[in-house]
Amino acid sequence: MLMICSLGVVACNDQKEASKVIEIQELMNFDDVQPDTLQQISDVKDMKIIEKPFKKAREFGEVDNEIAPQYKIKLNDDEYYLWIDNTVTATIANVNSRICFTLS
């Protein structure tokens, strides 16, 4: 009986993890999305690759409304704007708090 309950708990946890999705969409500006660009990432390995830099991001200021972000990312319960430049770094900003972070 204990073995069956344990398997049920593991199965529920696996389903919960499998239902988690990261959404990435191209933006035209802060408010308008580029049509037909939504990408949903549900592969656990790919999601970990995307989540890792977000966990290590360093705060450095607030959003400058003059430069529109290229992407919007929905990660867990948060949304971020993403700017990518030609270097090895990128910038993200939380949509709600407008605080900027650098990814490297």
PDB file of N, CA and C in Angstrom:
ATOM      1  N   MET A   1       0.826  -1.191   0.000  1.00  0.00           N
ATOM      2  CA  MET A   1       0.000   0.000   0.000  1.00  0.00           C
ATOM      3  C   MET A   1       0.874   1.259   0.000  1.00  0.00           C
ATOM      4  N   LEU A   2       1.904   1.284   0.847  1.00  0.00           N
ATOM      5  CA  LEU A   2       2.809   2.430   0.909  1.00  0.00           C
ATOM      6  C   LEU A   2       3.506   2.642  -0.427  1.00  0.00           C
ATOM      7  N   MET A   3       3.868   1.540  -1.085  1.00  0.00           N
ATOM      8  CA  MET A   3       4.535   1.629  -2.388  1.00  0.00           C
ATOM      9  C   MET A   3       3.611   2.284  -3.413  1.00  0.00           C
ATOM     10  N   ILE A   4       2.348   1.947  -3.430  1.00  0.00           N
ATOM     11  CA  ILE A   4       1.382   2.520  -4.369  1.00  0.00           C
ATOM     12  C   ILE A   4       1.221   4.015  -4.116  1.00  0.00           C
ATOM     13  N   CYS A   5       1.126   4.419  -2.848  1.00  0.00           N
ATOM     14  CA  CYS A   5       1.009   5.840  -2.509  1.00  0.00           C
ATOM     15  C   CYS A   5       2.248   6.609  -2.953  1.00  0.00           C
ATOM     16  N   SER A   6       3.417   6.017  -2.754  1.00  0.00           N
ATOM     17  CA  SER A   6       4.658   6.672  -3.172  1.00  0.00           C
ATOM     18  C   SER A   6       4.688   6.875  -4.678  1.00  0.00           C
ATOM     19  N   LEU A   7       4.277   5.866  -5.424  1.00  0.00           N
ATOM     20  CA  LEU A   7       4.246   5.992  -6.880  1.00  0.00           C
ATOM     21  C   LEU A   7       3.261   7.065  -7.319  1.00  0.00           C
ATOM     22  N   GLY A   8       2.140   7.160  -6.627  1.00  0.00           N
ATOM     23  CA  GLY A   8       1.155   8.198  -6.941  1.00  0.00           C
ATOM     24  C   GLY A   8       1.710   9.590  -6.730  1.00  0.00           C
ATOM     25  N   VAL A   9       2.458   9.799  -5.657  1.00  0.00           N
ATOM     26  CA  VAL A   9       3.060  11.103  -5.371  1.00  0.00           C
ATOM     27  C   VAL A   9       4.090  11.446  -6.439  1.00  0.00           C
ATOM     28  N   VAL A  10       4.922  10.501  -6.829  1.00  0.00           N
ATOM     29  CA  VAL A  10       5.927  10.732  -7.869  1.00  0.00           C
ATOM     30  C   VAL A  10       5.248  11.065  -9.191  1.00  0.00           C
ATOM     31  N   ALA A  11       4.205  10.344  -9.540  1.00  0.00           N
ATOM     32  CA  ALA A  11       3.490  10.599 -10.786  1.00  0.00           C
ATOM     33  C   ALA A  11       2.877  11.993 -10.794  1.00  0.00           C
ATOM     34  N   CYS A  12       2.314  12.417  -9.671  1.00  0.00           N
ATOM     35  CA  CYS A  12       1.725  13.759  -9.582  1.00  0.00           C
ATOM     36  C   CYS A  12       2.800  14.828  -9.735  1.00  0.00           C
ATOM     37  N   ASN A  13       3.951  14.628  -9.108  1.00  0.00           N
ATOM     38  CA  ASN A  13       5.039  15.595  -9.230  1.00  0.00           C
ATOM     39  C   ASN A  13       5.553  15.669 -10.656  1.00  0.00           C
ATOM     40  N   ASP A  14       5.653  14.531 -11.348  1.00  0.00           N
ATOM     41  CA  ASP A  14       6.107  14.528 -12.736  1.00  0.00           C
ATOM     42  C   ASP A  14       5.125  15.264 -13.633  1.00  0.00           C
ATOM     43  N   GLN A  15       3.836  15.095 -13.402  1.00  0.00           N
ATOM     44  CA  GLN A  15       2.830  15.785 -14.207  1.00  0.00           C
ATOM     45  C   GLN A  15       2.884  17.284 -13.951  1.00  0.00           C
ATOM     46  N   LYS A  16       3.099  17.684 -12.705  1.00  0.00           N
ATOM     47  CA  LYS A  16       3.182  19.103 -12.371  1.00  0.00           C
ATOM     48  C   LYS A  16       4.368  19.743 -13.082  1.00  0.00           C
ATOM     49  N   GLU A  17       5.520  19.049 -13.097  1.00  0.00           N
ATOM     50  CA  GLU A  17       6.715  19.557 -13.768  1.00  0.00           C
ATOM     51  C   GLU A  17       6.496  19.615 -15.278  1.00  0.00           C
ATOM     52  N   ALA A  18       5.816  18.601 -15.821  1.00  0.00           N
ATOM     53  CA  ALA A  18       5.609  18.551 -17.266  1.00  0.00           C
ATOM     54  C   ALA A  18       4.671  19.649 -17.750  1.00  0.00           C
ATOM     55  N   SER A  19       3.784  20.126 -16.894  1.00  0.00           N
ATOM     56  CA  SER A  19       2.824  21.142 -17.329  1.00  0.00           C
ATOM     57  C   SER A  19       3.439  22.541 -17.329  1.00  0.00           C
ATOM     58  N   LYS A  20       4.626  22.707 -16.743  1.00  0.00           N
ATOM     59  CA  LYS A  20       5.303  23.995 -16.698  1.00  0.00           C
ATOM     60  C   LYS A  20       5.860  24.322 -18.084  1.00  0.00           C
ATOM     61  N   VAL A  21       5.631  25.560 -18.526  1.00  0.00           N
ATOM     62  CA  VAL A  21       6.047  25.976 -19.866  1.00  0.00           C
ATOM     63  C   VAL A  21       6.658  27.370 -19.798  1.00  0.00           C
ATOM     64  N   ILE A  22       7.712  27.602 -20.564  1.00  0.00           N
ATOM     65  CA  ILE A  22       8.276  28.937 -20.730  1.00  0.00           C
ATOM     66  C   ILE A  22       7.794  29.444 -22.082  1.00  0.00           C
ATOM     67  N   GLU A  23       7.261  30.666 -22.086  1.00  0.00           N
ATOM     68  CA  GLU A  23       6.792  31.272 -23.333  1.00  0.00           C
ATOM     69  C   GLU A  23       7.701  32.429 -23.720  1.00  0.00           C
ATOM     70  N   ILE A  24       8.089  32.462 -24.993  1.00  0.00           N
ATOM     71  CA  ILE A  24       8.916  33.542 -25.529  1.00  0.00           C
ATOM     72  C   ILE A  24       8.216  34.085 -26.766  1.00  0.00           C
ATOM     73  N   GLN A  25       8.090  35.415 -26.833  1.00  0.00           N
ATOM     74  CA  GLN A  25       7.439  36.028 -27.983  1.00  0.00           C
ATOM     75  C   GLN A  25       8.186  37.294 -28.396  1.00  0.00           C
ATOM     76  N   GLU A  26       8.346  37.472 -29.707  1.00  0.00           N
ATOM     77  CA  GLU A  26       8.975  38.688 -30.227  1.00  0.00           C
ATOM     78  C   GLU A  26       8.045  39.873 -30.032  1.00  0.00           C
ATOM     79  N   LEU A  27       8.650  41.029 -29.761  1.00  0.00           N
ATOM     80  CA  LEU A  27       7.886  42.255 -29.564  1.00  0.00           C
ATOM     81  C   LEU A  27       8.178  43.268 -30.667  1.00  0.00           C
ATOM     82  N   MET A  28       7.183  44.092 -30.957  1.00  0.00           N
ATOM     83  CA  MET A  28       7.373  45.222 -31.862  1.00  0.00           C
ATOM     84  C   MET A  28       7.756  46.460 -31.052  1.00  0.00           C
ATOM     85  N   ASN A  29       7.210  46.551 -29.835  1.00  0.00           N
ATOM     86  CA  ASN A  29       7.522  47.610 -28.879  1.00  0.00           C
ATOM     87  C   ASN A  29       7.118  47.082 -27.501  1.00  0.00           C
ATOM     88  N   PHE A  30       7.057  47.940 -26.507  1.00  0.00           N
ATOM     89  CA  PHE A  30       6.737  47.470 -25.154  1.00  0.00           C
ATOM     90  C   PHE A  30       5.357  46.830 -25.049  1.00  0.00           C
ATOM     91  N   ASP A  31       4.407  47.260 -25.876  1.00  0.00           N
ATOM     92  CA  ASP A  31       3.026  46.800 -25.727  1.00  0.00           C
ATOM     93  C   ASP A  31       2.557  45.819 -26.788  1.00  0.00           C
ATOM     94  N   ASP A  32       3.160  45.831 -27.961  1.00  0.00           N
ATOM     95  CA  ASP A  32       2.655  45.037 -29.089  1.00  0.00           C
ATOM     96  C   ASP A  32       3.585  43.880 -29.421  1.00  0.00           C
ATOM     97  N   VAL A  33       2.977  42.688 -29.530  1.00  0.00           N
ATOM     98  CA  VAL A  33       3.750  41.501 -29.885  1.00  0.00           C
ATOM     99  C   VAL A  33       3.755  41.318 -31.401  1.00  0.00           C
ATOM    100  N   GLN A  34       4.828  40.717 -31.885  1.00  0.00           N
ATOM    101  CA  GLN A  34       4.933  40.365 -33.298  1.00  0.00           C
ATOM    102  C   GLN A  34       4.024  39.153 -33.533  1.00  0.00           C
ATOM    103  N   PRO A  35       3.097  39.206 -34.479  1.00  0.00           N
ATOM    104  CA  PRO A  35       2.180  38.076 -34.706  1.00  0.00           C
ATOM    105  C   PRO A  35       2.930  36.786 -35.071  1.00  0.00           C
ATOM    106  N   ASP A  36       2.383  35.686 -34.644  1.00  0.00           N
ATOM    107  CA  ASP A  36       2.872  34.340 -34.998  1.00  0.00           C
ATOM    108  C   ASP A  36       4.315  34.077 -34.575  1.00  0.00           C
ATOM    109  N   THR A  37       4.745  34.619 -33.449  1.00  0.00           N
ATOM    110  CA  THR A  37       6.112  34.394 -32.989  1.00  0.00           C
ATOM    111  C   THR A  37       6.184  33.685 -31.638  1.00  0.00           C
ATOM    112  N   LEU A  38       5.051  33.289 -31.090  1.00  0.00           N
ATOM    113  CA  LEU A  38       5.036  32.644 -29.783  1.00  0.00           C
ATOM    114  C   LEU A  38       5.739  31.291 -29.846  1.00  0.00           C
ATOM    115  N   GLN A  39       6.717  31.112 -28.957  1.00  0.00           N
ATOM    116  CA  GLN A  39       7.413  29.841 -28.801  1.00  0.00           C
ATOM    117  C   GLN A  39       7.170  29.344 -27.389  1.00  0.00           C
ATOM    118  N   GLN A  40       6.745  28.097 -27.268  1.00  0.00           N
ATOM    119  CA  GLN A  40       6.529  27.504 -25.951  1.00  0.00           C
ATOM    120  C   GLN A  40       7.563  26.409 -25.742  1.00  0.00           C
ATOM    121  N   ILE A  41       8.282  26.521 -24.644  1.00  0.00           N
ATOM    122  CA  ILE A  41       9.338  25.567 -24.344  1.00  0.00           C
ATOM    123  C   ILE A  41       8.903  24.747 -23.143  1.00  0.00           C
ATOM    124  N   SER A  42       8.809  23.449 -23.324  1.00  0.00           N
ATOM    125  CA  SER A  42       8.363  22.582 -22.238  1.00  0.00           C
ATOM    126  C   SER A  42       9.368  21.479 -21.921  1.00  0.00           C
ATOM    127  N   ASP A  43      10.398  21.318 -22.728  1.00  0.00           N
ATOM    128  CA  ASP A  43      11.429  20.332 -22.459  1.00  0.00           C
ATOM    129  C   ASP A  43      12.203  20.748 -21.209  1.00  0.00           C
ATOM    130  N   VAL A  44      12.294  19.856 -20.243  1.00  0.00           N
ATOM    131  CA  VAL A  44      12.892  20.177 -18.944  1.00  0.00           C
ATOM    132  C   VAL A  44      14.342  20.636 -19.099  1.00  0.00           C
ATOM    133  N   LYS A  45      15.124  19.990 -19.941  1.00  0.00           N
ATOM    134  CA  LYS A  45      16.525  20.382 -20.134  1.00  0.00           C
ATOM    135  C   LYS A  45      16.621  21.783 -20.731  1.00  0.00           C
ATOM    136  N   ASP A  46      15.808  22.071 -21.735  1.00  0.00           N
ATOM    137  CA  ASP A  46      15.813  23.397 -22.353  1.00  0.00           C
ATOM    138  C   ASP A  46      15.374  24.462 -21.356  1.00  0.00           C
ATOM    139  N   MET A  47      14.378  24.143 -20.541  1.00  0.00           N
ATOM    140  CA  MET A  47      13.888  25.103 -19.556  1.00  0.00           C
ATOM    141  C   MET A  47      14.970  25.428 -18.530  1.00  0.00           C
ATOM    142  N   LYS A  48      15.731  24.433 -18.109  1.00  0.00           N
ATOM    143  CA  LYS A  48      16.805  24.673 -17.143  1.00  0.00           C
ATOM    144  C   LYS A  48      17.891  25.560 -17.743  1.00  0.00           C
ATOM    145  N   ILE A  49      18.178  25.385 -19.029  1.00  0.00           N
ATOM    146  CA  ILE A  49      19.174  26.227 -19.703  1.00  0.00           C
ATOM    147  C   ILE A  49      18.709  27.680 -19.702  1.00  0.00           C
ATOM    148  N   ILE A  50      17.432  27.914 -19.929  1.00  0.00           N
ATOM    149  CA  ILE A  50      16.882  29.273 -19.957  1.00  0.00           C
ATOM    150  C   ILE A  50      16.798  29.854 -18.545  1.00  0.00           C
ATOM    151  N   GLU A  51      16.384  29.056 -17.580  1.00  0.00           N
ATOM    152  CA  GLU A  51      16.200  29.546 -16.210  1.00  0.00           C
ATOM    153  C   GLU A  51      17.525  29.882 -15.516  1.00  0.00           C
ATOM    154  N   LYS A  52      18.595  29.175 -15.838  1.00  0.00           N
ATOM    155  CA  LYS A  52      19.874  29.350 -15.138  1.00  0.00           C
ATOM    156  C   LYS A  52      20.380  30.793 -15.154  1.00  0.00           C
ATOM    157  N   PRO A  53      20.475  31.466 -16.317  1.00  0.00           N
ATOM    158  CA  PRO A  53      20.960  32.853 -16.275  1.00  0.00           C
ATOM    159  C   PRO A  53      20.028  33.801 -15.519  1.00  0.00           C
ATOM    160  N   PHE A  54      18.730  33.518 -15.515  1.00  0.00           N
ATOM    161  CA  PHE A  54      17.790  34.361 -14.780  1.00  0.00           C
ATOM    162  C   PHE A  54      18.085  34.306 -13.278  1.00  0.00           C
ATOM    163  N   LYS A  55      18.489  33.143 -12.799  1.00  0.00           N
ATOM    164  CA  LYS A  55      18.799  32.997 -11.377  1.00  0.00           C
ATOM    165  C   LYS A  55      20.075  33.732 -11.002  1.00  0.00           C
ATOM    166  N   LYS A  56      21.002  33.893 -11.961  1.00  0.00           N
ATOM    167  CA  LYS A  56      22.284  34.544 -11.692  1.00  0.00           C
ATOM    168  C   LYS A  56      22.303  36.014 -12.115  1.00  0.00           C
ATOM    169  N   ALA A  57      21.191  36.531 -12.603  1.00  0.00           N
ATOM    170  CA  ALA A  57      21.138  37.903 -13.110  1.00  0.00           C
ATOM    171  C   ALA A  57      21.450  38.910 -12.008  1.00  0.00           C
ATOM    172  N   ARG A  58      22.114  40.008 -12.410  1.00  0.00           N
ATOM    173  CA  ARG A  58      22.476  41.070 -11.455  1.00  0.00           C
ATOM    174  C   ARG A  58      21.665  42.324 -11.756  1.00  0.00           C
ATOM    175  N   GLU A  59      21.064  42.877 -10.708  1.00  0.00           N
ATOM    176  CA  GLU A  59      20.268  44.103 -10.843  1.00  0.00           C
ATOM    177  C   GLU A  59      21.175  45.294 -11.128  1.00  0.00           C
ATOM    178  N   PHE A  60      20.727  46.198 -12.030  1.00  0.00           N
ATOM    179  CA  PHE A  60      21.538  47.384 -12.273  1.00  0.00           C
ATOM    180  C   PHE A  60      20.755  48.654 -12.535  1.00  0.00           C
ATOM    181  N   GLY A  61      19.451  48.664 -12.539  1.00  0.00           N
ATOM    182  CA  GLY A  61      18.730  49.912 -12.741  1.00  0.00           C
ATOM    183  C   GLY A  61      17.290  49.695 -13.161  1.00  0.00           C
ATOM    184  N   GLU A  62      16.711  50.727 -13.787  1.00  0.00           N
ATOM    185  CA  GLU A  62      15.328  50.657 -14.241  1.00  0.00           C
ATOM    186  C   GLU A  62      15.261  50.729 -15.764  1.00  0.00           C
ATOM    187  N   VAL A  63      14.119  50.352 -16.300  1.00  0.00           N
ATOM    188  CA  VAL A  63      13.911  50.312 -17.743  1.00  0.00           C
ATOM    189  C   VAL A  63      13.987  51.713 -18.343  1.00  0.00           C
ATOM    190  N   ASP A  64      14.701  51.819 -19.449  1.00  0.00           N
ATOM    191  CA  ASP A  64      14.745  53.043 -20.243  1.00  0.00           C
ATOM    192  C   ASP A  64      13.728  52.859 -21.370  1.00  0.00           C
ATOM    193  N   ASN A  65      12.673  53.631 -21.367  1.00  0.00           N
ATOM    194  CA  ASN A  65      11.590  53.452 -22.334  1.00  0.00           C
ATOM    195  C   ASN A  65      11.947  53.834 -23.763  1.00  0.00           C
ATOM    196  N   GLU A  66      13.166  54.290 -24.010  1.00  0.00           N
ATOM    197  CA  GLU A  66      13.546  54.693 -25.355  1.00  0.00           C
ATOM    198  C   GLU A  66      13.920  53.515 -26.246  1.00  0.00           C
ATOM    199  N   ILE A  67      14.378  52.431 -25.673  1.00  0.00           N
ATOM    200  CA  ILE A  67      14.804  51.279 -26.468  1.00  0.00           C
ATOM    201  C   ILE A  67      13.839  50.130 -26.223  1.00  0.00           C
ATOM    202  N   ALA A  68      13.097  49.767 -27.259  1.00  0.00           N
ATOM    203  CA  ALA A  68      12.107  48.698 -27.128  1.00  0.00           C
ATOM    204  C   ALA A  68      12.800  47.340 -27.010  1.00  0.00           C
ATOM    205  N   PRO A  69      12.275  46.466 -26.165  1.00  0.00           N
ATOM    206  CA  PRO A  69      12.848  45.120 -26.040  1.00  0.00           C
ATOM    207  C   PRO A  69      12.532  44.278 -27.277  1.00  0.00           C
ATOM    208  N   GLN A  70      13.357  43.281 -27.515  1.00  0.00           N
ATOM    209  CA  GLN A  70      13.101  42.384 -28.641  1.00  0.00           C
ATOM    210  C   GLN A  70      12.130  41.263 -28.292  1.00  0.00           C
ATOM    211  N   TYR A  71      12.091  40.857 -27.023  1.00  0.00           N
ATOM    212  CA  TYR A  71      11.281  39.701 -26.631  1.00  0.00           C
ATOM    213  C   TYR A  71      10.602  39.930 -25.285  1.00  0.00           C
ATOM    214  N   LYS A  72       9.530  39.158 -25.069  1.00  0.00           N
ATOM    215  CA  LYS A  72       8.894  39.044 -23.758  1.00  0.00           C
ATOM    216  C   LYS A  72       8.935  37.566 -23.396  1.00  0.00           C
ATOM    217  N   ILE A  73       9.360  37.298 -22.166  1.00  0.00           N
ATOM    218  CA  ILE A  73       9.475  35.920 -21.702  1.00  0.00           C
ATOM    219  C   ILE A  73       8.581  35.731 -20.489  1.00  0.00           C
ATOM    220  N   LYS A  74       7.761  34.695 -20.520  1.00  0.00           N
ATOM    221  CA  LYS A  74       6.969  34.300 -19.353  1.00  0.00           C
ATOM    222  C   LYS A  74       7.673  33.102 -18.736  1.00  0.00           C
ATOM    223  N   LEU A  75       8.175  33.324 -17.532  1.00  0.00           N
ATOM    224  CA  LEU A  75       8.968  32.319 -16.830  1.00  0.00           C
ATOM    225  C   LEU A  75       8.361  32.131 -15.455  1.00  0.00           C
ATOM    226  N   ASN A  76       7.824  30.955 -15.206  1.00  0.00           N
ATOM    227  CA  ASN A  76       7.082  30.673 -13.975  1.00  0.00           C
ATOM    228  C   ASN A  76       5.913  31.663 -13.875  1.00  0.00           C
ATOM    229  N   ASP A  77       5.839  32.442 -12.822  1.00  0.00           N
ATOM    230  CA  ASP A  77       4.734  33.393 -12.672  1.00  0.00           C
ATOM    231  C   ASP A  77       5.150  34.816 -13.018  1.00  0.00           C
ATOM    232  N   ASP A  78       6.345  34.994 -13.562  1.00  0.00           N
ATOM    233  CA  ASP A  78       6.853  36.332 -13.880  1.00  0.00           C
ATOM    234  C   ASP A  78       6.972  36.528 -15.391  1.00  0.00           C
ATOM    235  N   GLU A  79       6.933  37.787 -15.794  1.00  0.00           N
ATOM    236  CA  GLU A  79       7.165  38.150 -17.186  1.00  0.00           C
ATOM    237  C   GLU A  79       8.356  39.092 -17.245  1.00  0.00           C
ATOM    238  N   TYR A  80       9.173  38.924 -18.271  1.00  0.00           N
ATOM    239  CA  TYR A  80      10.363  39.741 -18.434  1.00  0.00           C
ATOM    240  C   TYR A  80      10.447  40.260 -19.865  1.00  0.00           C
ATOM    241  N   TYR A  81      10.993  41.472 -20.019  1.00  0.00           N
ATOM    242  CA  TYR A  81      11.403  41.974 -21.317  1.00  0.00           C
ATOM    243  C   TYR A  81      12.847  41.512 -21.513  1.00  0.00           C
ATOM    244  N   LEU A  82      13.233  41.271 -22.768  1.00  0.00           N
ATOM    245  CA  LEU A  82      14.590  40.831 -23.064  1.00  0.00           C
ATOM    246  C   LEU A  82      15.170  41.655 -24.197  1.00  0.00           C
ATOM    247  N   TRP A  83      16.354  42.222 -23.945  1.00  0.00           N
ATOM    248  CA  TRP A  83      17.122  42.925 -24.962  1.00  0.00           C
ATOM    249  C   TRP A  83      18.376  42.099 -25.215  1.00  0.00           C
ATOM    250  N   ILE A  84      18.720  41.873 -26.464  1.00  0.00           N
ATOM    251  CA  ILE A  84      19.933  41.136 -26.805  1.00  0.00           C
ATOM    252  C   ILE A  84      20.794  42.045 -27.667  1.00  0.00           C
ATOM    253  N   ASP A  85      22.079  42.144 -27.303  1.00  0.00           N
ATOM    254  CA  ASP A  85      22.992  42.942 -28.124  1.00  0.00           C
ATOM    255  C   ASP A  85      24.021  42.022 -28.778  1.00  0.00           C
ATOM    256  N   ASN A  86      25.016  42.584 -29.408  1.00  0.00           N
ATOM    257  CA  ASN A  86      26.006  41.798 -30.145  1.00  0.00           C
ATOM    258  C   ASN A  86      27.171  41.334 -29.282  1.00  0.00           C
ATOM    259  N   THR A  87      27.046  41.456 -27.970  1.00  0.00           N
ATOM    260  CA  THR A  87      28.098  40.988 -27.069  1.00  0.00           C
ATOM    261  C   THR A  87      27.641  39.694 -26.422  1.00  0.00           C
ATOM    262  N   VAL A  88      28.336  39.287 -25.376  1.00  0.00           N
ATOM    263  CA  VAL A  88      27.965  38.049 -24.679  1.00  0.00           C
ATOM    264  C   VAL A  88      26.961  38.295 -23.562  1.00  0.00           C
ATOM    265  N   THR A  89      26.481  39.524 -23.431  1.00  0.00           N
ATOM    266  CA  THR A  89      25.518  39.827 -22.372  1.00  0.00           C
ATOM    267  C   THR A  89      24.157  40.163 -22.972  1.00  0.00           C
ATOM    268  N   ALA A  90      23.164  40.076 -22.136  1.00  0.00           N
ATOM    269  CA  ALA A  90      21.805  40.473 -22.492  1.00  0.00           C
ATOM    270  C   ALA A  90      21.211  41.172 -21.279  1.00  0.00           C
ATOM    271  N   THR A  91      20.123  41.889 -21.491  1.00  0.00           N
ATOM    272  CA  THR A  91      19.463  42.603 -20.410  1.00  0.00           C
ATOM    273  C   THR A  91      18.022  42.127 -20.318  1.00  0.00           C
ATOM    274  N   ILE A  92      17.557  41.928 -19.088  1.00  0.00           N
ATOM    275  CA  ILE A  92      16.157  41.602 -18.853  1.00  0.00           C
ATOM    276  C   ILE A  92      15.583  42.623 -17.884  1.00  0.00           C
ATOM    277  N   ALA A  93      14.270  42.791 -17.929  1.00  0.00           N
ATOM    278  CA  ALA A  93      13.585  43.645 -16.961  1.00  0.00           C
ATOM    279  C   ALA A  93      12.267  42.990 -16.608  1.00  0.00           C
ATOM    280  N   ASN A  94      11.965  42.959 -15.331  1.00  0.00           N
ATOM    281  CA  ASN A  94      10.681  42.442 -14.895  1.00  0.00           C
ATOM    282  C   ASN A  94       9.596  43.383 -15.394  1.00  0.00           C
ATOM    283  N   VAL A  95       8.576  42.847 -16.054  1.00  0.00           N
ATOM    284  CA  VAL A  95       7.517  43.655 -16.655  1.00  0.00           C
ATOM    285  C   VAL A  95       6.804  44.500 -15.616  1.00  0.00           C
ATOM    286  N   ASN A  96       6.553  43.946 -14.447  1.00  0.00           N
ATOM    287  CA  ASN A  96       5.797  44.667 -13.425  1.00  0.00           C
ATOM    288  C   ASN A  96       6.642  45.673 -12.648  1.00  0.00           C
ATOM    289  N   SER A  97       7.837  45.266 -12.224  1.00  0.00           N
ATOM    290  CA  SER A  97       8.643  46.160 -11.393  1.00  0.00           C
ATOM    291  C   SER A  97       9.507  47.110 -12.218  1.00  0.00           C
ATOM    292  N   ARG A  98       9.730  46.763 -13.489  1.00  0.00           N
ATOM    293  CA  ARG A  98      10.554  47.563 -14.411  1.00  0.00           C
ATOM    294  C   ARG A  98      12.017  47.653 -13.963  1.00  0.00           C
ATOM    295  N   ILE A  99      12.452  46.734 -13.097  1.00  0.00           N
ATOM    296  CA  ILE A  99      13.835  46.694 -12.656  1.00  0.00           C
ATOM    297  C   ILE A  99      14.639  45.886 -13.687  1.00  0.00           C
ATOM    298  N   CYS A 100      15.811  46.402 -14.072  1.00  0.00           N
ATOM    299  CA  CYS A 100      16.668  45.758 -15.066  1.00  0.00           C
ATOM    300  C   CYS A 100      17.701  44.853 -14.401  1.00  0.00           C
ATOM    301  N   PHE A 101      18.050  43.801 -15.124  1.00  0.00           N
ATOM    302  CA  PHE A 101      19.076  42.855 -14.706  1.00  0.00           C
ATOM    303  C   PHE A 101      19.948  42.556 -15.906  1.00  0.00           C
ATOM    304  N   THR A 102      21.203  42.261 -15.657  1.00  0.00           N
ATOM    305  CA  THR A 102      22.091  41.854 -16.732  1.00  0.00           C
ATOM    306  C   THR A 102      22.309  40.361 -16.667  1.00  0.00           C
ATOM    307  N   LEU A 103      22.316  39.730 -17.842  1.00  0.00           N
ATOM    308  CA  LEU A 103      22.602  38.297 -17.960  1.00  0.00           C
ATOM    309  C   LEU A 103      23.953  38.164 -18.632  1.00  0.00           C
ATOM    310  N   SER A 104      24.762  37.260 -18.151  1.00  0.00           N
ATOM    311  CA  SER A 104      26.028  37.017 -18.845  1.00  0.00           C
ATOM    312  C   SER A 104      26.404  35.559 -18.793  1.00  0.00           C
TER     313      SER A 104
END
